[in-house]
Amino acid sequence: MLAVTEVCSSNDTAQRLAGKILLQVEQHGEAWYIHPTLCHRIYLRDGQAAYDTMRYLSLGISDTDLSKLPYSSAMTFK
């Protein structure tokens, strides 16, 4: 994580978009992640940085929560 900036305290839009990845198309398509609890804007410089950041920040999912997701046999892979 290179660039981290606090954004939510004075920005209603940032609060609404917390937990999302945003593309700043006016600045060469830069990607930013708004951390949902810290309200930091984290710069994702490339695909590997995005993957590493999401992997580091991920909370995971429990087997109980996973079992709540709908399943369809049409979704099987061959």
Protein backbone atom coordinates (compact mmCIF):
# COMPACT_ATOMS: atom_id res chain seq x y z
CA MET A 1 0.00 0.00 0.00
CA LEU A 2 1.74 3.11 -1.20
CA ALA A 3 -0.58 6.08 -1.02
CA VAL A 4 -3.13 6.23 1.78
CA THR A 5 -5.29 9.29 2.43
CA GLU A 6 -8.07 9.82 5.02
CA VAL A 7 -11.21 10.78 3.07
CA CYS A 8 -14.45 9.98 4.91
CA SER A 9 -14.60 12.49 7.76
CA SER A 10 -15.52 15.39 5.49
CA ASN A 11 -16.88 13.63 2.43
CA ASP A 12 -20.37 12.10 2.31
CA THR A 13 -19.66 10.52 -1.08
CA ALA A 14 -16.59 8.72 0.29
CA GLN A 15 -18.66 7.43 3.21
CA ARG A 16 -21.28 6.10 0.77
CA LEU A 17 -18.62 4.44 -1.41
CA ALA A 18 -16.63 2.90 1.46
CA GLY A 19 -15.67 -0.70 0.66
CA LYS A 20 -15.67 -0.11 -3.09
CA ILE A 21 -12.94 0.16 -5.72
CA LEU A 22 -13.15 3.41 -7.67
CA LEU A 23 -11.63 4.33 -11.03
CA GLN A 24 -10.38 7.89 -11.32
CA VAL A 25 -10.70 8.17 -15.09
CA GLU A 26 -9.52 11.78 -15.22
CA GLN A 27 -6.14 10.69 -13.84
CA HIS A 28 -5.02 7.96 -16.26
CA GLY A 29 -7.53 5.40 -14.95
CA GLU A 30 -6.04 5.17 -11.47
CA ALA A 31 -7.82 2.79 -9.09
CA TRP A 32 -8.51 3.52 -5.43
CA TYR A 33 -10.02 1.41 -2.66
CA ILE A 34 -12.00 3.16 0.09
CA HIS A 35 -11.34 1.20 3.29
CA PRO A 36 -14.76 0.73 4.95
CA THR A 37 -13.72 1.08 8.60
CA LEU A 38 -10.62 3.28 8.47
CA CYS A 39 -12.04 5.58 5.77
CA HIS A 40 -8.72 5.67 3.96
CA ARG A 41 -8.34 5.97 0.22
CA ILE A 42 -5.74 3.38 -0.85
CA TYR A 43 -4.04 3.69 -4.24
CA LEU A 44 -3.99 0.47 -6.30
CA ARG A 45 -1.15 1.14 -8.73
CA ASP A 46 -1.63 -2.03 -10.82
CA GLY A 47 -3.35 -5.41 -10.85
CA GLN A 48 -0.81 -7.05 -8.57
CA ALA A 49 -1.04 -4.21 -6.03
CA ALA A 50 -4.84 -4.48 -6.13
CA TYR A 51 -4.69 -8.24 -5.57
CA ASP A 52 -2.16 -7.92 -2.74
CA THR A 53 -4.15 -5.15 -1.05
CA MET A 54 -7.45 -7.01 -1.26
CA ARG A 55 -5.78 -10.20 -0.04
CA TYR A 56 -4.24 -8.35 2.92
CA LEU A 57 -7.46 -6.53 3.85
CA SER A 58 -9.89 -9.40 3.24
CA LEU A 59 -11.95 -10.67 6.13
CA GLY A 60 -12.68 -14.06 4.64
CA ILE A 61 -15.94 -15.98 4.82
CA SER A 62 -17.07 -18.66 7.23
CA ASP A 63 -18.45 -22.01 6.10
CA THR A 64 -21.77 -21.01 7.70
CA ASP A 65 -22.00 -17.82 5.64
CA LEU A 66 -20.85 -19.62 2.50
CA SER A 67 -23.62 -22.20 2.90
CA LYS A 68 -26.21 -19.35 2.87
CA LEU A 69 -25.37 -18.42 -0.71
CA PRO A 70 -27.84 -19.76 -3.28
CA TYR A 71 -26.63 -22.68 -5.36
CA SER A 72 -27.80 -23.84 -8.75
CA SER A 73 -26.68 -26.95 -10.62
CA ALA A 74 -26.56 -24.72 -13.72
CA MET A 75 -23.56 -23.01 -12.12
CA THR A 76 -21.29 -26.06 -12.24
CA PHE A 77 -18.05 -25.90 -14.20
CA LYS A 78 -16.97 -28.55 -16.66
